[in-house]
Amino acid sequence: MNQAELIDVILAELKVICEENGIDGSRVDRQTALFGAGSIIDSLALVGLIIKVEEYVLEKTGKEIEVIDEAAIITEGKTPFENAATLAELALLKVNEA
């Protein structure tokens, strides 16, 4: 499992979330905001997306990770939940630590 594969999974799930919530997901890409100003999904949908990422990682690697923890707290205005690329980066970091 690499970052590109994980980004693809995140984007596919994000498009499903958009469709289920009547949101136009046609412009969803790796830089689409997931959290904060400009986010196309609400916090509940973000949690659901994170759970899908954790489940995918477990299925592919056999490693159980927790994406949301103390290390994921927003620091200096930056969040690992900014977009698909930053979420994938955090998930891979957790896999390597597991």
N, C-alpha and C. Protein backbone atom coordinates (compact mmCIF):
# COMPACT_ATOMS: atom_id res chain seq x y z
N MET A 1 0.84 -1.17 0.00
CA MET A 1 0.00 0.00 0.00
C MET A 1 0.89 1.24 0.00
N ASN A 2 0.62 2.14 -0.94
CA ASN A 2 1.39 3.37 -1.00
C ASN A 2 0.46 4.59 -0.90
N GLN A 3 1.05 5.77 -0.90
CA GLN A 3 0.26 6.98 -0.70
C GLN A 3 -0.74 7.19 -1.84
N ALA A 4 -0.34 6.95 -3.07
CA ALA A 4 -1.24 7.14 -4.21
C ALA A 4 -2.47 6.24 -4.10
N GLU A 5 -2.25 4.98 -3.72
CA GLU A 5 -3.35 4.03 -3.56
C GLU A 5 -4.30 4.50 -2.46
N LEU A 6 -3.74 4.97 -1.36
CA LEU A 6 -4.56 5.43 -0.25
C LEU A 6 -5.33 6.70 -0.62
N ILE A 7 -4.72 7.58 -1.36
CA ILE A 7 -5.42 8.78 -1.83
C ILE A 7 -6.60 8.38 -2.72
N ASP A 8 -6.40 7.41 -3.59
CA ASP A 8 -7.49 6.94 -4.45
C ASP A 8 -8.65 6.41 -3.63
N VAL A 9 -8.35 5.67 -2.58
CA VAL A 9 -9.39 5.14 -1.70
C VAL A 9 -10.14 6.28 -1.01
N ILE A 10 -9.39 7.25 -0.51
CA ILE A 10 -10.00 8.40 0.17
C ILE A 10 -10.90 9.17 -0.78
N LEU A 11 -10.43 9.42 -1.99
CA LEU A 11 -11.23 10.17 -2.96
C LEU A 11 -12.48 9.41 -3.38
N ALA A 12 -12.36 8.11 -3.56
CA ALA A 12 -13.54 7.30 -3.91
C ALA A 12 -14.58 7.36 -2.81
N GLU A 13 -14.14 7.23 -1.56
CA GLU A 13 -15.07 7.29 -0.43
C GLU A 13 -15.66 8.69 -0.29
N LEU A 14 -14.86 9.71 -0.53
CA LEU A 14 -15.34 11.08 -0.45
C LEU A 14 -16.44 11.33 -1.49
N LYS A 15 -16.27 10.77 -2.67
CA LYS A 15 -17.30 10.90 -3.71
C LYS A 15 -18.58 10.20 -3.30
N VAL A 16 -18.47 9.05 -2.65
CA VAL A 16 -19.65 8.33 -2.14
C VAL A 16 -20.36 9.19 -1.10
N ILE A 17 -19.60 9.77 -0.19
CA ILE A 17 -20.17 10.63 0.86
C ILE A 17 -20.90 11.81 0.21
N CYS A 18 -20.28 12.41 -0.78
CA CYS A 18 -20.92 13.54 -1.48
C CYS A 18 -22.23 13.11 -2.11
N GLU A 19 -22.21 11.99 -2.80
CA GLU A 19 -23.42 11.48 -3.46
C GLU A 19 -24.53 11.21 -2.45
N GLU A 20 -24.18 10.59 -1.34
CA GLU A 20 -25.17 10.26 -0.31
C GLU A 20 -25.77 11.50 0.34
N ASN A 21 -25.03 12.62 0.31
CA ASN A 21 -25.49 13.84 0.97
C ASN A 21 -25.90 14.95 0.00
N GLY A 22 -26.07 14.59 -1.28
CA GLY A 22 -26.52 15.56 -2.25
C GLY A 22 -25.53 16.68 -2.53
N ILE A 23 -24.24 16.37 -2.40
CA ILE A 23 -23.18 17.34 -2.63
C ILE A 23 -22.55 17.04 -3.99
N ASP A 24 -22.28 18.08 -4.76
CA ASP A 24 -21.63 17.90 -6.05
C ASP A 24 -20.19 17.44 -5.83
N GLY A 25 -19.91 16.21 -6.16
CA GLY A 25 -18.57 15.66 -5.96
C GLY A 25 -17.76 15.60 -7.23
N SER A 26 -18.22 16.26 -8.28
CA SER A 26 -17.54 16.17 -9.57
C SER A 26 -16.15 16.80 -9.56
N ARG A 27 -15.91 17.73 -8.65
CA ARG A 27 -14.59 18.39 -8.60
C ARG A 27 -13.70 17.86 -7.47
N VAL A 28 -14.08 16.76 -6.86
CA VAL A 28 -13.29 16.20 -5.77
C VAL A 28 -11.93 15.76 -6.31
N ASP A 29 -10.88 16.24 -5.66
CA ASP A 29 -9.52 15.82 -6.02
C ASP A 29 -8.66 15.78 -4.76
N ARG A 30 -7.39 15.52 -4.90
CA ARG A 30 -6.51 15.32 -3.75
C ARG A 30 -6.36 16.56 -2.88
N GLN A 31 -6.74 17.74 -3.40
CA GLN A 31 -6.63 18.98 -2.64
C GLN A 31 -7.98 19.47 -2.09
N THR A 32 -9.04 18.71 -2.29
CA THR A 32 -10.36 19.08 -1.78
C THR A 32 -10.30 19.15 -0.25
N ALA A 33 -10.79 20.25 0.30
CA ALA A 33 -10.76 20.45 1.76
C ALA A 33 -11.66 19.43 2.46
N LEU A 34 -11.10 18.79 3.49
CA LEU A 34 -11.85 17.82 4.28
C LEU A 34 -12.25 18.39 5.64
N PHE A 35 -11.55 19.43 6.08
CA PHE A 35 -11.76 19.96 7.43
C PHE A 35 -11.53 21.46 7.39
N GLY A 36 -12.32 22.19 8.15
CA GLY A 36 -12.11 23.63 8.27
C GLY A 36 -12.81 24.40 7.18
N ALA A 37 -12.36 25.63 6.99
CA ALA A 37 -12.95 26.52 6.01
C ALA A 37 -12.88 25.90 4.62
N GLY A 38 -13.99 25.92 3.93
CA GLY A 38 -14.02 25.38 2.58
C GLY A 38 -14.26 23.89 2.49
N SER A 39 -14.41 23.22 3.60
CA SER A 39 -14.66 21.78 3.59
C SER A 39 -15.99 21.49 2.92
N ILE A 40 -16.01 20.42 2.12
CA ILE A 40 -17.26 20.06 1.46
C ILE A 40 -18.08 19.07 2.28
N ILE A 41 -17.50 18.57 3.38
CA ILE A 41 -18.23 17.63 4.24
C ILE A 41 -18.25 18.15 5.67
N ASP A 42 -19.21 17.65 6.45
CA ASP A 42 -19.27 18.06 7.85
C ASP A 42 -18.40 17.12 8.70
N SER A 43 -18.31 17.44 9.98
CA SER A 43 -17.42 16.68 10.86
C SER A 43 -17.83 15.22 11.00
N LEU A 44 -19.12 14.95 10.98
CA LEU A 44 -19.59 13.56 11.08
C LEU A 44 -19.15 12.76 9.85
N ALA A 45 -19.25 13.36 8.68
CA ALA A 45 -18.81 12.68 7.46
C ALA A 45 -17.30 12.47 7.48
N LEU A 46 -16.56 13.44 8.03
CA LEU A 46 -15.10 13.29 8.15
C LEU A 46 -14.75 12.10 9.03
N VAL A 47 -15.44 11.96 10.15
CA VAL A 47 -15.19 10.82 11.04
C VAL A 47 -15.46 9.51 10.29
N GLY A 48 -16.56 9.46 9.54
CA GLY A 48 -16.87 8.28 8.74
C GLY A 48 -15.78 7.97 7.73
N LEU A 49 -15.25 9.00 7.10
CA LEU A 49 -14.16 8.84 6.13
C LEU A 49 -12.91 8.29 6.81
N ILE A 50 -12.60 8.82 7.97
CA ILE A 50 -11.43 8.35 8.71
C ILE A 50 -11.58 6.88 9.10
N ILE A 51 -12.76 6.50 9.51
CA ILE A 51 -13.02 5.09 9.86
C ILE A 51 -12.81 4.20 8.64
N LYS A 52 -13.27 4.64 7.47
CA LYS A 52 -13.06 3.87 6.24
C LYS A 52 -11.57 3.70 5.95
N VAL A 53 -10.79 4.76 6.17
CA VAL A 53 -9.35 4.69 5.96
C VAL A 53 -8.74 3.67 6.91
N GLU A 54 -9.12 3.73 8.18
CA GLU A 54 -8.60 2.77 9.16
C GLU A 54 -8.96 1.34 8.79
N GLU A 55 -10.19 1.11 8.33
CA GLU A 55 -10.61 -0.23 7.92
C GLU A 55 -9.84 -0.70 6.70
N TYR A 56 -9.60 0.19 5.75
CA TYR A 56 -8.85 -0.17 4.55
C TYR A 56 -7.42 -0.56 4.91
N VAL A 57 -6.80 0.23 5.78
CA VAL A 57 -5.44 -0.08 6.22
C VAL A 57 -5.39 -1.45 6.89
N LEU A 58 -6.34 -1.74 7.75
CA LEU A 58 -6.38 -3.04 8.43
C LEU A 58 -6.52 -4.16 7.41
N GLU A 59 -7.40 -3.98 6.45
CA GLU A 59 -7.64 -4.99 5.42
C GLU A 59 -6.38 -5.24 4.58
N LYS A 60 -5.68 -4.18 4.22
CA LYS A 60 -4.52 -4.31 3.34
C LYS A 60 -3.23 -4.70 4.05
N THR A 61 -3.07 -4.27 5.30
CA THR A 61 -1.79 -4.49 5.98
C THR A 61 -1.88 -5.40 7.19
N GLY A 62 -3.10 -5.60 7.70
CA GLY A 62 -3.25 -6.36 8.93
C GLY A 62 -2.90 -5.54 10.16
N LYS A 63 -2.62 -4.25 9.96
CA LYS A 63 -2.25 -3.37 11.07
C LYS A 63 -3.44 -2.49 11.45
N GLU A 64 -3.72 -2.46 12.75
CA GLU A 64 -4.79 -1.62 13.25
C GLU A 64 -4.20 -0.27 13.66
N ILE A 65 -4.73 0.80 13.06
CA ILE A 65 -4.23 2.13 13.38
C ILE A 65 -5.36 3.01 13.90
N GLU A 66 -4.99 4.06 14.60
CA GLU A 66 -5.92 5.09 15.03
C GLU A 66 -5.45 6.39 14.41
N VAL A 67 -6.20 6.87 13.43
CA VAL A 67 -5.81 8.10 12.76
C VAL A 67 -5.99 9.30 13.67
N ILE A 68 -7.05 9.29 14.47
CA ILE A 68 -7.30 10.42 15.37
C ILE A 68 -6.69 10.12 16.73
N ASP A 69 -5.66 10.88 17.06
CA ASP A 69 -5.02 10.79 18.37
C ASP A 69 -4.37 12.12 18.68
N GLU A 70 -3.56 12.16 19.73
CA GLU A 70 -2.93 13.41 20.14
C GLU A 70 -2.06 14.01 19.04
N ALA A 71 -1.42 13.18 18.26
CA ALA A 71 -0.55 13.67 17.19
C ALA A 71 -1.33 14.35 16.06
N ALA A 72 -2.62 14.07 15.99
CA ALA A 72 -3.45 14.62 14.93
C ALA A 72 -4.09 15.95 15.30
N ILE A 73 -3.77 16.46 16.46
CA ILE A 73 -4.33 17.73 16.91
C ILE A 73 -3.80 18.85 16.03
N ILE A 74 -4.65 19.80 15.75
CA ILE A 74 -4.26 20.95 14.91
C ILE A 74 -3.17 21.74 15.61
N THR A 75 -2.09 21.99 14.89
CA THR A 75 -1.01 22.81 15.43
C THR A 75 -0.68 23.92 14.44
N GLU A 76 -0.57 25.12 14.96
CA GLU A 76 -0.22 26.28 14.16
C GLU A 76 -1.06 26.39 12.90
N GLY A 77 -2.37 26.14 13.03
CA GLY A 77 -3.27 26.27 11.89
C GLY A 77 -3.20 25.16 10.88
N LYS A 78 -2.38 24.15 11.12
CA LYS A 78 -2.26 23.03 10.18
C LYS A 78 -2.96 21.82 10.76
N THR A 79 -3.59 21.07 9.90
CA THR A 79 -4.26 19.85 10.31
C THR A 79 -3.94 18.72 9.33
N PRO A 80 -3.75 17.51 9.81
CA PRO A 80 -3.53 16.40 8.90
C PRO A 80 -4.81 15.99 8.17
N PHE A 81 -5.91 16.65 8.50
CA PHE A 81 -7.19 16.35 7.85
C PHE A 81 -7.54 17.42 6.81
N GLU A 82 -6.53 18.16 6.37
CA GLU A 82 -6.74 19.25 5.42
C GLU A 82 -7.32 18.76 4.09
N ASN A 83 -6.74 17.68 3.56
CA ASN A 83 -7.20 17.14 2.28
C ASN A 83 -6.81 15.66 2.18
N ALA A 84 -7.12 15.04 1.04
CA ALA A 84 -6.85 13.61 0.88
C ALA A 84 -5.37 13.29 0.99
N ALA A 85 -4.54 14.16 0.46
CA ALA A 85 -3.09 13.91 0.50
C ALA A 85 -2.55 13.94 1.93
N THR A 86 -2.99 14.91 2.74
CA THR A 86 -2.49 14.98 4.11
C THR A 86 -3.06 13.86 4.97
N LEU A 87 -4.29 13.45 4.70
CA LEU A 87 -4.88 12.33 5.43
C LEU A 87 -4.14 11.04 5.09
N ALA A 88 -3.84 10.83 3.82
CA ALA A 88 -3.09 9.64 3.41
C ALA A 88 -1.70 9.63 4.03
N GLU A 89 -1.07 10.77 4.07
CA GLU A 89 0.26 10.88 4.67
C GLU A 89 0.23 10.48 6.15
N LEU A 90 -0.77 10.98 6.87
CA LEU A 90 -0.90 10.64 8.29
C LEU A 90 -1.17 9.14 8.47
N ALA A 91 -2.06 8.58 7.67
CA ALA A 91 -2.38 7.15 7.78
C ALA A 91 -1.14 6.29 7.53
N LEU A 92 -0.35 6.65 6.55
CA LEU A 92 0.88 5.89 6.27
C LEU A 92 1.89 6.03 7.38
N LEU A 93 1.97 7.20 7.99
CA LEU A 93 2.84 7.39 9.14
C LEU A 93 2.42 6.45 10.27
N LYS A 94 1.10 6.35 10.51
CA LYS A 94 0.58 5.46 11.56
C LYS A 94 0.88 4.00 11.24
N VAL A 95 0.78 3.63 9.97
CA VAL A 95 1.08 2.25 9.57
C VAL A 95 2.55 1.94 9.87
N ASN A 96 3.42 2.86 9.52
CA ASN A 96 4.86 2.64 9.77
C ASN A 96 5.21 2.59 11.24
N GLU A 97 4.41 3.27 12.07
CA GLU A 97 4.64 3.25 13.52
C GLU A 97 4.06 2.01 14.18
N ALA A 98 3.10 1.36 13.50
CA ALA A 98 2.41 0.20 14.10
C ALA A 98 3.27 -1.03 14.09
